[in-house]
Amino acid sequence: MQKLQHLNHKNIIKYYGHWEDITDKQCYIFLELCTREHLGKRIHQKLSEECTFKWFSQLVDGMIFIHSQSNHPTTQIFSIEISSQLTC
């Protein structure tokens, strides 16, 4: 989990830490408050070619950054943000 703290990129949700409740055997993860849309919300909607290209570019940018880091974590599509400035 500590490796996630060092990922600092505009298209990756920031990890702030976690807390493990030994009594309930639960792990709580603290992430950046995300006011932008995430790709998982819009993935099943029909999008214009222009919008698809812009979002795909942001996705690839985030993925390239993650893979450039040594020992990168597994990435979920819901962890990559898309810009709120895109209008589609």
Protein backbone atom coordinates (compact mmCIF):
# COMPACT_ATOMS: atom_id res chain seq x y z
CA MET A 1 0.00 0.00 0.00
CA GLN A 2 2.86 2.40 0.70
CA LYS A 3 3.89 2.28 -2.95
CA LEU A 4 0.56 3.88 -3.83
CA GLN A 5 1.48 7.01 -1.84
CA HIS A 6 4.23 7.81 -4.32
CA LEU A 7 1.99 7.78 -7.41
CA ASN A 8 1.40 11.45 -8.17
CA HIS A 9 -0.28 12.03 -11.52
CA LYS A 10 -3.19 14.19 -12.68
CA ASN A 11 -5.15 11.17 -13.96
CA ILE A 12 -4.62 8.87 -10.97
CA ILE A 13 -6.67 9.12 -7.77
CA LYS A 14 -4.36 9.97 -4.85
CA TYR A 15 -3.94 7.39 -2.09
CA TYR A 16 -3.59 8.91 1.40
CA GLY A 17 -3.30 5.81 3.53
CA HIS A 18 -5.20 2.99 5.11
CA TRP A 19 -6.34 1.73 8.48
CA GLU A 20 -6.80 -1.89 9.47
CA ASP A 21 -9.45 -2.76 12.05
CA ILE A 22 -8.13 -5.97 13.58
CA THR A 23 -11.32 -6.54 15.57
CA ASP A 24 -13.63 -6.52 12.53
CA LYS A 25 -10.96 -7.76 10.10
CA GLN A 26 -11.62 -4.76 7.82
CA CYS A 27 -9.23 -2.54 5.87
CA TYR A 28 -10.23 1.08 5.20
CA ILE A 29 -8.51 2.89 2.34
CA PHE A 30 -8.33 6.71 2.26
CA LEU A 31 -8.39 8.19 -1.25
CA GLU A 32 -8.60 11.65 -2.79
CA LEU A 33 -12.10 13.10 -3.01
CA CYS A 34 -12.91 12.72 -6.67
CA THR A 35 -15.17 15.45 -8.04
CA ARG A 36 -14.49 14.50 -11.64
CA GLU A 37 -16.15 11.61 -13.39
CA HIS A 38 -14.50 8.24 -13.46
CA LEU A 39 -14.40 6.18 -16.62
CA GLY A 40 -16.42 3.35 -15.09
CA LYS A 41 -19.45 5.65 -14.90
CA ARG A 42 -19.45 6.41 -18.63
CA ILE A 43 -17.95 3.28 -20.13
CA HIS A 44 -21.27 1.79 -21.28
CA GLN A 45 -22.53 4.99 -22.94
CA LYS A 46 -22.11 5.78 -26.61
CA LEU A 47 -19.49 8.52 -26.98
CA SER A 48 -18.37 10.61 -29.90
CA GLU A 49 -15.11 9.71 -31.60
CA GLU A 50 -13.53 12.96 -30.38
CA CYS A 51 -14.58 12.35 -26.79
CA THR A 52 -13.41 8.72 -26.94
CA PHE A 53 -10.00 9.83 -28.24
CA LYS A 54 -9.59 12.44 -25.46
CA TRP A 55 -10.55 10.02 -22.70
CA PHE A 56 -8.43 7.23 -24.16
CA SER A 57 -5.46 9.63 -24.29
CA GLN A 58 -5.91 10.41 -20.57
CA LEU A 59 -6.24 6.70 -19.78
CA VAL A 60 -3.06 5.84 -21.69
CA ASP A 61 -1.22 8.76 -20.05
CA GLY A 62 -2.11 7.43 -16.59
CA MET A 63 -1.21 3.86 -17.52
CA ILE A 64 2.17 4.90 -18.99
CA PHE A 65 2.97 6.71 -15.75
CA ILE A 66 2.01 3.72 -13.58
CA HIS A 67 4.03 1.31 -15.70
CA SER A 68 7.03 3.65 -15.64
CA GLN A 69 7.22 3.23 -11.87
CA SER A 70 9.11 0.23 -10.56
CA ASN A 71 6.94 -2.50 -9.00
CA HIS A 72 3.73 -0.82 -10.10
CA PRO A 73 0.47 -1.90 -8.41
CA THR A 74 -2.40 -3.56 -10.20
CA THR A 75 -4.49 -0.87 -11.84
CA GLN A 76 -8.25 -0.79 -11.93
CA ILE A 77 -10.12 1.21 -14.53
CA PHE A 78 -12.06 2.96 -11.76
CA SER A 79 -8.84 4.39 -10.30
CA ILE A 80 -8.13 6.53 -13.32
CA GLU A 81 -9.91 9.87 -13.53
CA ILE A 82 -11.06 11.64 -16.65
CA SER A 83 -10.93 15.40 -16.92
CA SER A 84 -14.01 17.35 -15.92
CA GLN A 85 -13.16 19.82 -18.67
CA LEU A 86 -14.23 17.42 -21.40
CA THR A 87 -17.73 17.97 -22.69
CA CYS A 88 -19.18 14.91 -24.34
